[in-house]
Amino acid sequence: MTQITVQVEGMKCPMCEAHVNDAIRDRFAVEKVTSSHKKNETIILTEIPIEDESLRATITAMGYQVGSITREPYEKKGFFSRFSK
């Protein structure tokens, strides 16, 4: 699984976060998406690769500005995850 972190400028409230999350869920097959207007970022967990340009186009179409997009492998963390190794 991959964690994609997108810097998103222009989100001002929780409703903005919800709009960005809904647009990403509608457009891409993702496991989880969360946004923070305070941190100016959206974090996406996905098994399927998402192209930067598609992601950028989806968010900018809503009137927000997209900054950097970073990817890193994601490993689920939790109480029992330390026992699975």
PDB file of N, CA and C in Angstrom:
ATOM      1  N   MET A   1       0.851  -1.166   0.000  1.00  0.00           N
ATOM      2  CA  MET A   1       0.000   0.000   0.000  1.00  0.00           C
ATOM      3  C   MET A   1       0.902   1.236   0.000  1.00  0.00           C
ATOM      4  N   THR A   2       0.424   2.289  -0.630  1.00  0.00           N
ATOM      5  CA  THR A   2       1.178   3.528  -0.755  1.00  0.00           C
ATOM      6  C   THR A   2       0.429   4.665  -0.076  1.00  0.00           C
ATOM      7  N   GLN A   3       1.184   5.516   0.609  1.00  0.00           N
ATOM      8  CA  GLN A   3       0.616   6.735   1.186  1.00  0.00           C
ATOM      9  C   GLN A   3       1.054   7.900   0.323  1.00  0.00           C
ATOM     10  N   ILE A   4       0.075   8.636  -0.196  1.00  0.00           N
ATOM     11  CA  ILE A   4       0.341   9.812  -1.017  1.00  0.00           C
ATOM     12  C   ILE A   4      -0.039  11.039  -0.198  1.00  0.00           C
ATOM     13  N   THR A   5       0.907  11.957  -0.035  1.00  0.00           N
ATOM     14  CA  THR A   5       0.644  13.199   0.682  1.00  0.00           C
ATOM     15  C   THR A   5       0.653  14.332  -0.331  1.00  0.00           C
ATOM     16  N   VAL A   6      -0.458  15.067  -0.380  1.00  0.00           N
ATOM     17  CA  VAL A   6      -0.622  16.158  -1.338  1.00  0.00           C
ATOM     18  C   VAL A   6      -0.760  17.464  -0.565  1.00  0.00           C
ATOM     19  N   GLN A   7       0.072  18.434  -0.880  1.00  0.00           N
ATOM     20  CA  GLN A   7      -0.062  19.763  -0.281  1.00  0.00           C
ATOM     21  C   GLN A   7      -1.161  20.498  -1.043  1.00  0.00           C
ATOM     22  N   VAL A   8      -2.206  20.908  -0.310  1.00  0.00           N
ATOM     23  CA  VAL A   8      -3.368  21.557  -0.928  1.00  0.00           C
ATOM     24  C   VAL A   8      -3.579  22.918  -0.264  1.00  0.00           C
ATOM     25  N   GLU A   9      -3.487  23.964  -1.047  1.00  0.00           N
ATOM     26  CA  GLU A   9      -3.716  25.331  -0.560  1.00  0.00           C
ATOM     27  C   GLU A   9      -5.137  25.762  -0.918  1.00  0.00           C
ATOM     28  N   GLY A  10      -5.766  26.480   0.002  1.00  0.00           N
ATOM     29  CA  GLY A  10      -7.089  27.036  -0.285  1.00  0.00           C
ATOM     30  C   GLY A  10      -8.206  26.421   0.527  1.00  0.00           C
ATOM     31  N   MET A  11      -7.942  25.334   1.240  1.00  0.00           N
ATOM     32  CA  MET A  11      -8.972  24.762   2.110  1.00  0.00           C
ATOM     33  C   MET A  11      -9.071  25.647   3.350  1.00  0.00           C
ATOM     34  N   LYS A  12     -10.275  26.086   3.679  1.00  0.00           N
ATOM     35  CA  LYS A  12     -10.465  27.019   4.789  1.00  0.00           C
ATOM     36  C   LYS A  12     -11.256  26.430   5.959  1.00  0.00           C
ATOM     37  N   CYS A  13     -11.946  25.305   5.756  1.00  0.00           N
ATOM     38  CA  CYS A  13     -12.825  24.786   6.798  1.00  0.00           C
ATOM     39  C   CYS A  13     -13.011  23.280   6.619  1.00  0.00           C
ATOM     40  N   PRO A  14     -13.661  22.622   7.581  1.00  0.00           N
ATOM     41  CA  PRO A  14     -13.923  21.181   7.448  1.00  0.00           C
ATOM     42  C   PRO A  14     -14.771  20.820   6.225  1.00  0.00           C
ATOM     43  N   MET A  15     -15.626  21.724   5.784  1.00  0.00           N
ATOM     44  CA  MET A  15     -16.436  21.444   4.589  1.00  0.00           C
ATOM     45  C   MET A  15     -15.540  21.369   3.350  1.00  0.00           C
ATOM     46  N   CYS A  16     -14.523  22.201   3.295  1.00  0.00           N
ATOM     47  CA  CYS A  16     -13.550  22.132   2.188  1.00  0.00           C
ATOM     48  C   CYS A  16     -12.848  20.779   2.193  1.00  0.00           C
ATOM     49  N   GLU A  17     -12.465  20.320   3.388  1.00  0.00           N
ATOM     50  CA  GLU A  17     -11.829  19.010   3.518  1.00  0.00           C
ATOM     51  C   GLU A  17     -12.739  17.918   2.977  1.00  0.00           C
ATOM     52  N   ALA A  18     -14.026  17.983   3.343  1.00  0.00           N
ATOM     53  CA  ALA A  18     -14.991  16.974   2.887  1.00  0.00           C
ATOM     54  C   ALA A  18     -15.144  16.991   1.376  1.00  0.00           C
ATOM     55  N   HIS A  19     -15.160  18.179   0.773  1.00  0.00           N
ATOM     56  CA  HIS A  19     -15.295  18.275  -0.685  1.00  0.00           C
ATOM     57  C   HIS A  19     -14.097  17.642  -1.390  1.00  0.00           C
ATOM     58  N   VAL A  20     -12.898  17.906  -0.892  1.00  0.00           N
ATOM     59  CA  VAL A  20     -11.700  17.316  -1.489  1.00  0.00           C
ATOM     60  C   VAL A  20     -11.721  15.800  -1.324  1.00  0.00           C
ATOM     61  N   ASN A  21     -12.053  15.328  -0.127  1.00  0.00           N
ATOM     62  CA  ASN A  21     -12.115  13.885   0.127  1.00  0.00           C
ATOM     63  C   ASN A  21     -13.123  13.204  -0.791  1.00  0.00           C
ATOM     64  N   ASP A  22     -14.318  13.793  -0.919  1.00  0.00           N
ATOM     65  CA  ASP A  22     -15.362  13.209  -1.773  1.00  0.00           C
ATOM     66  C   ASP A  22     -14.927  13.159  -3.236  1.00  0.00           C
ATOM     67  N   ALA A  23     -14.281  14.212  -3.709  1.00  0.00           N
ATOM     68  CA  ALA A  23     -13.830  14.246  -5.105  1.00  0.00           C
ATOM     69  C   ALA A  23     -12.797  13.155  -5.364  1.00  0.00           C
ATOM     70  N   ILE A  24     -11.889  12.950  -4.424  1.00  0.00           N
ATOM     71  CA  ILE A  24     -10.865  11.918  -4.601  1.00  0.00           C
ATOM     72  C   ILE A  24     -11.483  10.529  -4.542  1.00  0.00           C
ATOM     73  N   ARG A  25     -12.409  10.314  -3.604  1.00  0.00           N
ATOM     74  CA  ARG A  25     -13.090   9.008  -3.518  1.00  0.00           C
ATOM     75  C   ARG A  25     -13.892   8.705  -4.779  1.00  0.00           C
ATOM     76  N   ASP A  26     -14.539   9.742  -5.346  1.00  0.00           N
ATOM     77  CA  ASP A  26     -15.343   9.546  -6.557  1.00  0.00           C
ATOM     78  C   ASP A  26     -14.488   9.241  -7.775  1.00  0.00           C
ATOM     79  N   ARG A  27     -13.306   9.813  -7.835  1.00  0.00           N
ATOM     80  CA  ARG A  27     -12.456   9.714  -9.031  1.00  0.00           C
ATOM     81  C   ARG A  27     -11.503   8.519  -9.011  1.00  0.00           C
ATOM     82  N   PHE A  28     -11.037   8.145  -7.802  1.00  0.00           N
ATOM     83  CA  PHE A  28     -10.012   7.108  -7.696  1.00  0.00           C
ATOM     84  C   PHE A  28     -10.445   6.010  -6.715  1.00  0.00           C
ATOM     85  N   ALA A  29      -9.902   4.816  -6.910  1.00  0.00           N
ATOM     86  CA  ALA A  29     -10.146   3.705  -5.985  1.00  0.00           C
ATOM     87  C   ALA A  29      -9.121   3.805  -4.861  1.00  0.00           C
ATOM     88  N   VAL A  30      -9.531   4.354  -3.727  1.00  0.00           N
ATOM     89  CA  VAL A  30      -8.624   4.547  -2.600  1.00  0.00           C
ATOM     90  C   VAL A  30      -9.125   3.771  -1.388  1.00  0.00           C
ATOM     91  N   GLU A  31      -8.202   3.409  -0.526  1.00  0.00           N
ATOM     92  CA  GLU A  31      -8.554   2.741   0.722  1.00  0.00           C
ATOM     93  C   GLU A  31      -9.051   3.762   1.745  1.00  0.00           C
ATOM     94  N   LYS A  32      -8.358   4.910   1.808  1.00  0.00           N
ATOM     95  CA  LYS A  32      -8.694   5.940   2.783  1.00  0.00           C
ATOM     96  C   LYS A  32      -8.172   7.277   2.288  1.00  0.00           C
ATOM     97  N   VAL A  33      -8.902   8.340   2.596  1.00  0.00           N
ATOM     98  CA  VAL A  33      -8.446   9.688   2.278  1.00  0.00           C
ATOM     99  C   VAL A  33      -8.853  10.607   3.427  1.00  0.00           C
ATOM    100  N   THR A  34      -7.906  11.420   3.877  1.00  0.00           N
ATOM    101  CA  THR A  34      -8.181  12.412   4.915  1.00  0.00           C
ATOM    102  C   THR A  34      -7.514  13.718   4.527  1.00  0.00           C
ATOM    103  N   SER A  35      -8.189  14.818   4.847  1.00  0.00           N
ATOM    104  CA  SER A  35      -7.649  16.142   4.544  1.00  0.00           C
ATOM    105  C   SER A  35      -7.632  16.978   5.809  1.00  0.00           C
ATOM    106  N   SER A  36      -6.720  17.936   5.839  1.00  0.00           N
ATOM    107  CA  SER A  36      -6.626  18.868   6.957  1.00  0.00           C
ATOM    108  C   SER A  36      -6.433  20.279   6.419  1.00  0.00           C
ATOM    109  N   HIS A  37      -7.391  21.157   6.693  1.00  0.00           N
ATOM    110  CA  HIS A  37      -7.236  22.545   6.250  1.00  0.00           C
ATOM    111  C   HIS A  37      -6.196  23.264   7.095  1.00  0.00           C
ATOM    112  N   LYS A  38      -5.965  22.795   8.314  1.00  0.00           N
ATOM    113  CA  LYS A  38      -4.958  23.422   9.177  1.00  0.00           C
ATOM    114  C   LYS A  38      -3.542  23.075   8.719  1.00  0.00           C
ATOM    115  N   LYS A  39      -3.333  21.848   8.249  1.00  0.00           N
ATOM    116  CA  LYS A  39      -2.019  21.421   7.774  1.00  0.00           C
ATOM    117  C   LYS A  39      -1.839  21.651   6.274  1.00  0.00           C
ATOM    118  N   ASN A  40      -2.930  22.026   5.585  1.00  0.00           N
ATOM    119  CA  ASN A  40      -2.909  22.215   4.130  1.00  0.00           C
ATOM    120  C   ASN A  40      -2.452  20.952   3.409  1.00  0.00           C
ATOM    121  N   GLU A  41      -3.008  19.800   3.810  1.00  0.00           N
ATOM    122  CA  GLU A  41      -2.600  18.569   3.146  1.00  0.00           C
ATOM    123  C   GLU A  41      -3.745  17.561   3.076  1.00  0.00           C
ATOM    124  N   THR A  42      -3.609  16.683   2.113  1.00  0.00           N
ATOM    125  CA  THR A  42      -4.508  15.548   1.943  1.00  0.00           C
ATOM    126  C   THR A  42      -3.647  14.302   1.905  1.00  0.00           C
ATOM    127  N   ILE A  43      -4.047  13.291   2.674  1.00  0.00           N
ATOM    128  CA  ILE A  43      -3.306  12.035   2.718  1.00  0.00           C
ATOM    129  C   ILE A  43      -4.204  10.941   2.153  1.00  0.00           C
ATOM    130  N   ILE A  44      -3.658  10.210   1.187  1.00  0.00           N
ATOM    131  CA  ILE A  44      -4.397   9.163   0.475  1.00  0.00           C
ATOM    132  C   ILE A  44      -3.683   7.837   0.676  1.00  0.00           C
ATOM    133  N   LEU A  45      -4.431   6.806   1.038  1.00  0.00           N
ATOM    134  CA  LEU A  45      -3.896   5.448   1.101  1.00  0.00           C
ATOM    135  C   LEU A  45      -4.518   4.658  -0.034  1.00  0.00           C
ATOM    136  N   THR A  46      -3.667   4.034  -0.846  1.00  0.00           N
ATOM    137  CA  THR A  46      -4.168   3.323  -2.018  1.00  0.00           C
ATOM    138  C   THR A  46      -3.282   2.140  -2.374  1.00  0.00           C
ATOM    139  N   GLU A  47      -3.898   1.149  -2.971  1.00  0.00           N
ATOM    140  CA  GLU A  47      -3.177  -0.001  -3.526  1.00  0.00           C
ATOM    141  C   GLU A  47      -2.871   0.227  -5.004  1.00  0.00           C
ATOM    142  N   ILE A  48      -3.681   1.051  -5.647  1.00  0.00           N
ATOM    143  CA  ILE A  48      -3.581   1.293  -7.086  1.00  0.00           C
ATOM    144  C   ILE A  48      -2.821   2.606  -7.326  1.00  0.00           C
ATOM    145  N   PRO A  49      -1.839   2.610  -8.213  1.00  0.00           N
ATOM    146  CA  PRO A  49      -1.097   3.851  -8.490  1.00  0.00           C
ATOM    147  C   PRO A  49      -2.010   4.940  -9.045  1.00  0.00           C
ATOM    148  N   ILE A  50      -1.776   6.165  -8.607  1.00  0.00           N
ATOM    149  CA  ILE A  50      -2.511   7.332  -9.091  1.00  0.00           C
ATOM    150  C   ILE A  50      -1.495   8.296  -9.685  1.00  0.00           C
ATOM    151  N   GLU A  51      -1.734   8.713 -10.913  1.00  0.00           N
ATOM    152  CA  GLU A  51      -0.816   9.631 -11.585  1.00  0.00           C
ATOM    153  C   GLU A  51      -0.927  11.026 -10.981  1.00  0.00           C
ATOM    154  N   ASP A  52       0.214  11.692 -10.861  1.00  0.00           N
ATOM    155  CA  ASP A  52       0.243  13.042 -10.293  1.00  0.00           C
ATOM    156  C   ASP A  52      -0.676  13.999 -11.050  1.00  0.00           C
ATOM    157  N   GLU A  53      -0.637  13.931 -12.370  1.00  0.00           N
ATOM    158  CA  GLU A  53      -1.430  14.871 -13.172  1.00  0.00           C
ATOM    159  C   GLU A  53      -2.928  14.661 -12.989  1.00  0.00           C
ATOM    160  N   SER A  54      -3.363  13.421 -12.862  1.00  0.00           N
ATOM    161  CA  SER A  54      -4.782  13.150 -12.623  1.00  0.00           C
ATOM    162  C   SER A  54      -5.211  13.675 -11.261  1.00  0.00           C
ATOM    163  N   LEU A  55      -4.376  13.454 -10.283  1.00  0.00           N
ATOM    164  CA  LEU A  55      -4.651  13.923  -8.928  1.00  0.00           C
ATOM    165  C   LEU A  55      -4.678  15.451  -8.888  1.00  0.00           C
ATOM    166  N   ARG A  56      -3.697  16.049  -9.515  1.00  0.00           N
ATOM    167  CA  ARG A  56      -3.606  17.514  -9.575  1.00  0.00           C
ATOM    168  C   ARG A  56      -4.832  18.105 -10.288  1.00  0.00           C
ATOM    169  N   ALA A  57      -5.239  17.488 -11.390  1.00  0.00           N
ATOM    170  CA  ALA A  57      -6.391  17.984 -12.150  1.00  0.00           C
ATOM    171  C   ALA A  57      -7.683  17.885 -11.349  1.00  0.00           C
ATOM    172  N   THR A  58      -7.844  16.794 -10.602  1.00  0.00           N
ATOM    173  CA  THR A  58      -9.054  16.602  -9.798  1.00  0.00           C
ATOM    174  C   THR A  58      -9.175  17.679  -8.726  1.00  0.00           C
ATOM    175  N   ILE A  59      -8.077  17.994  -8.068  1.00  0.00           N
ATOM    176  CA  ILE A  59      -8.116  18.971  -6.976  1.00  0.00           C
ATOM    177  C   ILE A  59      -8.190  20.401  -7.493  1.00  0.00           C
ATOM    178  N   THR A  60      -7.440  20.719  -8.538  1.00  0.00           N
ATOM    179  CA  THR A  60      -7.474  22.092  -9.065  1.00  0.00           C
ATOM    180  C   THR A  60      -8.817  22.410  -9.714  1.00  0.00           C
ATOM    181  N   ALA A  61      -9.517  21.412 -10.223  1.00  0.00           N
ATOM    182  CA  ALA A  61     -10.842  21.633 -10.809  1.00  0.00           C
ATOM    183  C   ALA A  61     -11.834  22.145  -9.762  1.00  0.00           C
ATOM    184  N   MET A  62     -11.537  21.898  -8.493  1.00  0.00           N
ATOM    185  CA  MET A  62     -12.403  22.356  -7.414  1.00  0.00           C
ATOM    186  C   MET A  62     -12.017  23.750  -6.922  1.00  0.00           C
ATOM    187  N   GLY A  63     -10.953  24.328  -7.458  1.00  0.00           N
ATOM    188  CA  GLY A  63     -10.545  25.672  -7.083  1.00  0.00           C
ATOM    189  C   GLY A  63      -9.423  25.742  -6.062  1.00  0.00           C
ATOM    190  N   TYR A  64      -8.804  24.613  -5.753  1.00  0.00           N
ATOM    191  CA  TYR A  64      -7.696  24.592  -4.802  1.00  0.00           C
ATOM    192  C   TYR A  64      -6.377  24.495  -5.560  1.00  0.00           C
ATOM    193  N   GLN A  65      -5.298  24.925  -4.911  1.00  0.00           N
ATOM    194  CA  GLN A  65      -3.983  24.852  -5.522  1.00  0.00           C
ATOM    195  C   GLN A  65      -3.236  23.650  -4.947  1.00  0.00           C
ATOM    196  N   VAL A  66      -2.580  22.916  -5.829  1.00  0.00           N
ATOM    197  CA  VAL A  66      -1.825  21.732  -5.424  1.00  0.00           C
ATOM    198  C   VAL A  66      -0.345  22.070  -5.433  1.00  0.00           C
ATOM    199  N   GLY A  67       0.306  21.770  -4.306  1.00  0.00           N
ATOM    200  CA  GLY A  67       1.752  21.952  -4.206  1.00  0.00           C
ATOM    201  C   GLY A  67       2.448  20.636  -4.487  1.00  0.00           C
ATOM    202  N   SER A  68       3.300  20.239  -3.567  1.00  0.00           N
ATOM    203  CA  SER A  68       4.074  19.015  -3.764  1.00  0.00           C
ATOM    204  C   SER A  68       3.217  17.769  -3.533  1.00  0.00           C
ATOM    205  N   ILE A  69       3.602  16.709  -4.205  1.00  0.00           N
ATOM    206  CA  ILE A  69       2.972  15.394  -4.047  1.00  0.00           C
ATOM    207  C   ILE A  69       4.094  14.415  -3.723  1.00  0.00           C
ATOM    208  N   THR A  70       3.986  13.751  -2.572  1.00  0.00           N
ATOM    209  CA  THR A  70       5.009  12.784  -2.182  1.00  0.00           C
ATOM    210  C   THR A  70       4.377  11.427  -1.945  1.00  0.00           C
ATOM    211  N   ARG A  71       5.185  10.396  -2.157  1.00  0.00           N
ATOM    212  CA  ARG A  71       4.735   9.013  -1.975  1.00  0.00           C
ATOM    213  C   ARG A  71       5.708   8.287  -1.064  1.00  0.00           C
ATOM    214  N   GLU A  72       5.147   7.387  -0.254  1.00  0.00           N
ATOM    215  CA  GLU A  72       5.983   6.517   0.566  1.00  0.00           C
ATOM    216  C   GLU A  72       5.209   5.240   0.857  1.00  0.00           C
ATOM    217  N   PRO A  73       5.915   4.146   1.051  1.00  0.00           N
ATOM    218  CA  PRO A  73       5.233   2.897   1.394  1.00  0.00           C
ATOM    219  C   PRO A  73       4.512   3.062   2.723  1.00  0.00           C
ATOM    220  N   TYR A  74       3.339   2.450   2.836  1.00  0.00           N
ATOM    221  CA  TYR A  74       2.544   2.546   4.064  1.00  0.00           C
ATOM    222  C   TYR A  74       2.419   1.171   4.689  1.00  0.00           C
ATOM    223  N   GLU A  75       2.685   1.127   5.956  1.00  0.00           N
ATOM    224  CA  GLU A  75       2.504  -0.110   6.712  1.00  0.00           C
ATOM    225  C   GLU A  75       1.569   0.213   7.862  1.00  0.00           C
ATOM    226  N   LYS A  76       0.492  -0.543   7.969  1.00  0.00           N
ATOM    227  CA  LYS A  76      -0.505  -0.287   8.995  1.00  0.00           C
ATOM    228  C   LYS A  76       0.119  -0.367  10.379  1.00  0.00           C
ATOM    229  N   LYS A  77      -0.201   0.631  11.190  1.00  0.00           N
ATOM    230  CA  LYS A  77       0.312   0.671  12.550  1.00  0.00           C
ATOM    231  C   LYS A  77      -0.835   0.443  13.520  1.00  0.00           C
ATOM    232  N   GLY A  78      -0.556  -0.252  14.558  1.00  0.00           N
ATOM    233  CA  GLY A  78      -1.570  -0.508  15.565  1.00  0.00           C
ATOM    234  C   GLY A  78      -0.995  -1.390  16.650  1.00  0.00           C
ATOM    235  N   PHE A  79      -1.784  -1.672  17.645  1.00  0.00           N
ATOM    236  CA  PHE A  79      -1.315  -2.444  18.774  1.00  0.00           C
ATOM    237  C   PHE A  79      -0.793  -3.813  18.359  1.00  0.00           C
ATOM    238  N   PHE A  80      -1.515  -4.510  17.502  1.00  0.00           N
ATOM    239  CA  PHE A  80      -1.145  -5.885  17.153  1.00  0.00           C
ATOM    240  C   PHE A  80      -0.134  -5.958  16.006  1.00  0.00           C
ATOM    241  N   SER A  81       0.193  -4.850  15.360  1.00  0.00           N
ATOM    242  CA  SER A  81       1.114  -4.889  14.222  1.00  0.00           C
ATOM    243  C   SER A  81       2.519  -5.316  14.639  1.00  0.00           C
ATOM    244  N   ARG A  82       2.904  -5.058  15.858  1.00  0.00           N
ATOM    245  CA  ARG A  82       4.255  -5.450  16.296  1.00  0.00           C
ATOM    246  C   ARG A  82       4.394  -6.959  16.458  1.00  0.00           C
ATOM    247  N   PHE A  83       3.269  -7.673  16.557  1.00  0.00           N
ATOM    248  CA  PHE A  83       3.321  -9.124  16.706  1.00  0.00           C
ATOM    249  C   PHE A  83       3.342  -9.869  15.373  1.00  0.00           C
ATOM    250  N   SER A  84       3.076  -9.160  14.274  1.00  0.00           N
ATOM    251  CA  SER A  84       2.961  -9.820  12.966  1.00  0.00           C
ATOM    252  C   SER A  84       4.300 -10.002  12.269  1.00  0.00           C
ATOM    253  N   LYS A  85       5.377  -9.527  12.852  1.00  0.00           N
ATOM    254  CA  LYS A  85       6.685  -9.633  12.189  1.00  0.00           C
ATOM    255  C   LYS A  85       7.432 -10.865  12.607  1.00  0.00           C
TER     256      LYS A  85
END
